Amino acid sequence: MPVFVVHEHHAGQLHFDFRLEIDGVLASWAVPKGPSMNPAEKRLAIHVDDHELSYASFEGVIPKNQYGAGAVCIWDTGPFDLVSGNPIEGRIEFVLHGKKLNGAFVLVCMKGKRKEWLLIKMKDGHADSSFVMRPLHAK
């Protein structure tokens, strides 16, 4: 079963890197506010370069003067089921089985944009309208 990982990334500005194992790589999006379990909260997700699968277990500090410099820790991880789609199609539906993120989600490319997507929690038994995103570490 493929894996997903959410990295909490303390770069110039705290953000969360959302990654899905697709076709042998980690398809990746930078999510400034982090994912949400609340279907009413559509989160901006900027599509970034794919990462090697080995990056799924990475935690540590990326040195200054390197791309993505700053502390990185795993906020959530686990297997996921791909329901349909892929990054080329601009729509991916999937079900996460993490410690914090569970249930059905969709990533949708915004019309007329290549890099700008929305990460949306679908309404299901795991949805939580009271969800509050909490980083693991203060900067």
C-alpha atoms as a PDB file:
ATOM      1  CA  MET A   1       0.000   0.000   0.000  1.00  0.00           C
ATOM      2  CA  PRO A   2       1.430   3.440  -0.858  1.00  0.00           C
ATOM      3  CA  VAL A   3       2.273   5.916   1.900  1.00  0.00           C
ATOM      4  CA  PHE A   4       1.541   9.541   2.618  1.00  0.00           C
ATOM      5  CA  VAL A   5       3.519  11.863   4.852  1.00  0.00           C
ATOM      6  CA  VAL A   6       2.938  15.371   6.172  1.00  0.00           C
ATOM      7  CA  HIS A   7       6.166  17.142   7.084  1.00  0.00           C
ATOM      8  CA  GLU A   8       6.029  20.117   9.431  1.00  0.00           C
ATOM      9  CA  HIS A   9       8.618  22.406   7.822  1.00  0.00           C
ATOM     10  CA  HIS A  10      10.105  25.309   9.736  1.00  0.00           C
ATOM     11  CA  ALA A  11      11.638  27.073   6.745  1.00  0.00           C
ATOM     12  CA  GLY A  12      11.468  30.853   6.273  1.00  0.00           C
ATOM     13  CA  GLN A  13       7.809  30.518   7.204  1.00  0.00           C
ATOM     14  CA  LEU A  14       6.194  27.517   8.903  1.00  0.00           C
ATOM     15  CA  HIS A  15       4.273  25.383   6.428  1.00  0.00           C
ATOM     16  CA  PHE A  16       3.377  21.739   5.937  1.00  0.00           C
ATOM     17  CA  ASP A  17       4.577  19.551   3.060  1.00  0.00           C
ATOM     18  CA  PHE A  18       1.885  17.078   1.998  1.00  0.00           C
ATOM     19  CA  ARG A  19       3.263  14.076   0.092  1.00  0.00           C
ATOM     20  CA  LEU A  20       1.602  11.114  -1.624  1.00  0.00           C
ATOM     21  CA  GLU A  21       3.471   8.111  -2.998  1.00  0.00           C
ATOM     22  CA  ILE A  22       2.441   7.984  -6.664  1.00  0.00           C
ATOM     23  CA  ASP A  23       4.310   6.199  -9.476  1.00  0.00           C
ATOM     24  CA  GLY A  24       7.443   5.581  -7.417  1.00  0.00           C
ATOM     25  CA  VAL A  25       7.934   9.130  -6.097  1.00  0.00           C
ATOM     26  CA  LEU A  26       6.438  11.394  -3.458  1.00  0.00           C
ATOM     27  CA  ALA A  27       4.180  13.844  -5.283  1.00  0.00           C
ATOM     28  CA  SER A  28       4.410  16.950  -3.084  1.00  0.00           C
ATOM     29  CA  TRP A  29       2.483  20.078  -2.184  1.00  0.00           C
ATOM     30  CA  ALA A  30       3.379  22.888   0.244  1.00  0.00           C
ATOM     31  CA  VAL A  31       0.322  23.641   2.376  1.00  0.00           C
ATOM     32  CA  PRO A  32       0.805  26.954   4.239  1.00  0.00           C
ATOM     33  CA  LYS A  33      -1.929  26.360   6.853  1.00  0.00           C
ATOM     34  CA  GLY A  34      -1.590  22.564   6.926  1.00  0.00           C
ATOM     35  CA  PRO A  35      -4.251  19.987   6.123  1.00  0.00           C
ATOM     36  CA  SER A  36      -7.624  20.082   7.852  1.00  0.00           C
ATOM     37  CA  MET A  37     -10.179  17.486   8.898  1.00  0.00           C
ATOM     38  CA  ASN A  38     -12.926  20.108   8.440  1.00  0.00           C
ATOM     39  CA  PRO A  39     -14.638  19.798   5.015  1.00  0.00           C
ATOM     40  CA  ALA A  40     -15.527  23.521   5.145  1.00  0.00           C
ATOM     41  CA  GLU A  41     -11.828  24.489   5.091  1.00  0.00           C
ATOM     42  CA  LYS A  42     -10.320  24.346   1.627  1.00  0.00           C
ATOM     43  CA  ARG A  43      -6.550  24.585   2.041  1.00  0.00           C
ATOM     44  CA  LEU A  44      -4.246  26.122  -0.565  1.00  0.00           C
ATOM     45  CA  ALA A  45      -1.658  23.547  -1.681  1.00  0.00           C
ATOM     46  CA  ILE A  46       1.222  24.660  -3.920  1.00  0.00           C
ATOM     47  CA  HIS A  47       2.452  21.812  -6.129  1.00  0.00           C
ATOM     48  CA  VAL A  48       6.243  21.493  -5.770  1.00  0.00           C
ATOM     49  CA  ASP A  49       8.878  19.114  -7.130  1.00  0.00           C
ATOM     50  CA  ASP A  50       8.478  15.396  -6.519  1.00  0.00           C
ATOM     51  CA  HIS A  51      10.695  13.901  -3.822  1.00  0.00           C
ATOM     52  CA  GLU A  52      12.374  10.485  -3.624  1.00  0.00           C
ATOM     53  CA  LEU A  53      10.502   7.838  -1.628  1.00  0.00           C
ATOM     54  CA  SER A  54      13.293   7.767   0.962  1.00  0.00           C
ATOM     55  CA  TYR A  55      12.224  11.293   1.964  1.00  0.00           C
ATOM     56  CA  ALA A  56       9.052   9.837   3.529  1.00  0.00           C
ATOM     57  CA  SER A  57      11.005   9.013   6.704  1.00  0.00           C
ATOM     58  CA  PHE A  58      13.184  12.163   6.768  1.00  0.00           C
ATOM     59  CA  GLU A  59      13.341  14.267   9.894  1.00  0.00           C
ATOM     60  CA  GLY A  60      16.133  16.710  10.635  1.00  0.00           C
ATOM     61  CA  VAL A  61      17.539  20.086   9.722  1.00  0.00           C
ATOM     62  CA  ILE A  62      18.185  21.145   6.134  1.00  0.00           C
ATOM     63  CA  PRO A  63      21.304  23.364   6.313  1.00  0.00           C
ATOM     64  CA  LYS A  64      21.222  27.103   5.608  1.00  0.00           C
ATOM     65  CA  ASN A  65      21.897  28.054   1.970  1.00  0.00           C
ATOM     66  CA  GLN A  66      20.178  24.869   0.732  1.00  0.00           C
ATOM     67  CA  TYR A  67      16.723  24.709  -0.829  1.00  0.00           C
ATOM     68  CA  GLY A  68      14.145  24.294   1.942  1.00  0.00           C
ATOM     69  CA  ALA A  69      16.573  25.179   4.751  1.00  0.00           C
ATOM     70  CA  GLY A  70      15.110  24.671   8.213  1.00  0.00           C
ATOM     71  CA  ALA A  71      13.864  22.023  10.615  1.00  0.00           C
ATOM     72  CA  VAL A  72      11.643  19.233   9.288  1.00  0.00           C
ATOM     73  CA  CYS A  73       9.642  16.735  11.352  1.00  0.00           C
ATOM     74  CA  ILE A  74       6.944  14.225  10.480  1.00  0.00           C
ATOM     75  CA  TRP A  75       3.556  15.587  11.558  1.00  0.00           C
ATOM     76  CA  ASP A  76       1.589  12.563  10.304  1.00  0.00           C
ATOM     77  CA  THR A  77       2.164   9.524   8.119  1.00  0.00           C
ATOM     78  CA  GLY A  78       0.542   6.252   7.140  1.00  0.00           C
ATOM     79  CA  PRO A  79      -0.787   4.265   4.215  1.00  0.00           C
ATOM     80  CA  PHE A  80      -3.386   5.595   1.822  1.00  0.00           C
ATOM     81  CA  ASP A  81      -5.726   4.270  -0.855  1.00  0.00           C
ATOM     82  CA  LEU A  82      -5.744   6.024  -4.213  1.00  0.00           C
ATOM     83  CA  VAL A  83      -9.377   6.241  -5.321  1.00  0.00           C
ATOM     84  CA  SER A  84      -8.871   8.014  -8.656  1.00  0.00           C
ATOM     85  CA  GLY A  85      -6.825  10.544 -10.582  1.00  0.00           C
ATOM     86  CA  ASN A  86      -3.211  11.706 -10.631  1.00  0.00           C
ATOM     87  CA  PRO A  87      -1.290  15.007 -10.663  1.00  0.00           C
ATOM     88  CA  ILE A  88      -1.328  15.184 -14.477  1.00  0.00           C
ATOM     89  CA  GLU A  89      -5.140  15.057 -14.509  1.00  0.00           C
ATOM     90  CA  GLY A  90      -5.327  17.836 -11.897  1.00  0.00           C
ATOM     91  CA  ARG A  91      -7.549  15.874  -9.520  1.00  0.00           C
ATOM     92  CA  ILE A  92      -6.640  13.164  -7.024  1.00  0.00           C
ATOM     93  CA  GLU A  93      -9.103  11.434  -4.705  1.00  0.00           C
ATOM     94  CA  PHE A  94      -7.687   9.312  -1.886  1.00  0.00           C
ATOM     95  CA  VAL A  95      -8.351   7.865   1.559  1.00  0.00           C
ATOM     96  CA  LEU A  96      -5.770   8.457   4.312  1.00  0.00           C
ATOM     97  CA  HIS A  97      -5.085   6.070   7.194  1.00  0.00           C
ATOM     98  CA  GLY A  98      -2.905   8.194   9.477  1.00  0.00           C
ATOM     99  CA  LYS A  99      -2.688   8.915  13.180  1.00  0.00           C
ATOM    100  CA  LYS A 100      -4.218  12.397  12.725  1.00  0.00           C
ATOM    101  CA  LEU A 101      -5.578  12.455   9.173  1.00  0.00           C
ATOM    102  CA  ASN A 102      -8.147   9.830   8.240  1.00  0.00           C
ATOM    103  CA  GLY A 103     -10.790   9.341   5.633  1.00  0.00           C
ATOM    104  CA  ALA A 104     -11.480  10.704   2.170  1.00  0.00           C
ATOM    105  CA  PHE A 105      -9.709  13.746   0.721  1.00  0.00           C
ATOM    106  CA  VAL A 106      -9.349  15.348  -2.673  1.00  0.00           C
ATOM    107  CA  LEU A 107      -6.620  17.493  -4.219  1.00  0.00           C
ATOM    108  CA  VAL A 108      -7.940  19.671  -7.048  1.00  0.00           C
ATOM    109  CA  CYS A 109      -5.897  21.894  -9.333  1.00  0.00           C
ATOM    110  CA  MET A 110      -7.395  25.386  -9.484  1.00  0.00           C
ATOM    111  CA  LYS A 111      -8.738  26.315 -12.901  1.00  0.00           C
ATOM    112  CA  GLY A 112      -6.150  28.060 -15.066  1.00  0.00           C
ATOM    113  CA  LYS A 113      -3.348  27.446 -12.543  1.00  0.00           C
ATOM    114  CA  ARG A 114      -0.600  24.822 -12.799  1.00  0.00           C
ATOM    115  CA  LYS A 115       0.864  24.989  -9.314  1.00  0.00           C
ATOM    116  CA  GLU A 116      -2.115  26.091  -7.201  1.00  0.00           C
ATOM    117  CA  TRP A 117      -4.318  23.326  -5.851  1.00  0.00           C
ATOM    118  CA  LEU A 118      -6.879  22.944  -3.071  1.00  0.00           C
ATOM    119  CA  LEU A 119      -6.632  20.183  -0.456  1.00  0.00           C
ATOM    120  CA  ILE A 120     -10.145  19.368   0.771  1.00  0.00           C
ATOM    121  CA  LYS A 121     -11.427  16.919   3.379  1.00  0.00           C
ATOM    122  CA  MET A 122     -14.488  15.115   2.060  1.00  0.00           C
ATOM    123  CA  LYS A 123     -17.597  14.692   4.216  1.00  0.00           C
ATOM    124  CA  ASP A 124     -17.405  11.260   5.827  1.00  0.00           C
ATOM    125  CA  GLY A 125     -17.373   9.650   9.264  1.00  0.00           C
ATOM    126  CA  HIS A 126     -13.896  11.070   9.975  1.00  0.00           C
ATOM    127  CA  ALA A 127     -14.757  14.706   9.215  1.00  0.00           C
ATOM    128  CA  ASP A 128     -14.365  17.070  12.177  1.00  0.00           C
ATOM    129  CA  SER A 129     -15.782  20.591  11.972  1.00  0.00           C
ATOM    130  CA  SER A 130     -13.987  21.525  15.221  1.00  0.00           C
ATOM    131  CA  PHE A 131     -10.524  20.525  13.912  1.00  0.00           C
ATOM    132  CA  VAL A 132      -7.702  22.963  14.764  1.00  0.00           C
ATOM    133  CA  MET A 133      -4.305  22.603  13.076  1.00  0.00           C
ATOM    134  CA  ARG A 134      -1.578  22.398  15.710  1.00  0.00           C
ATOM    135  CA  PRO A 135       2.132  22.259  14.856  1.00  0.00           C
ATOM    136  CA  LEU A 136       4.226  19.781  16.830  1.00  0.00           C
ATOM    137  CA  HIS A 137       6.986  22.289  17.486  1.00  0.00           C
ATOM    138  CA  ALA A 138       6.961  26.028  18.033  1.00  0.00           C
ATOM    139  CA  LYS A 139       9.497  27.866  15.912  1.00  0.00           C
END
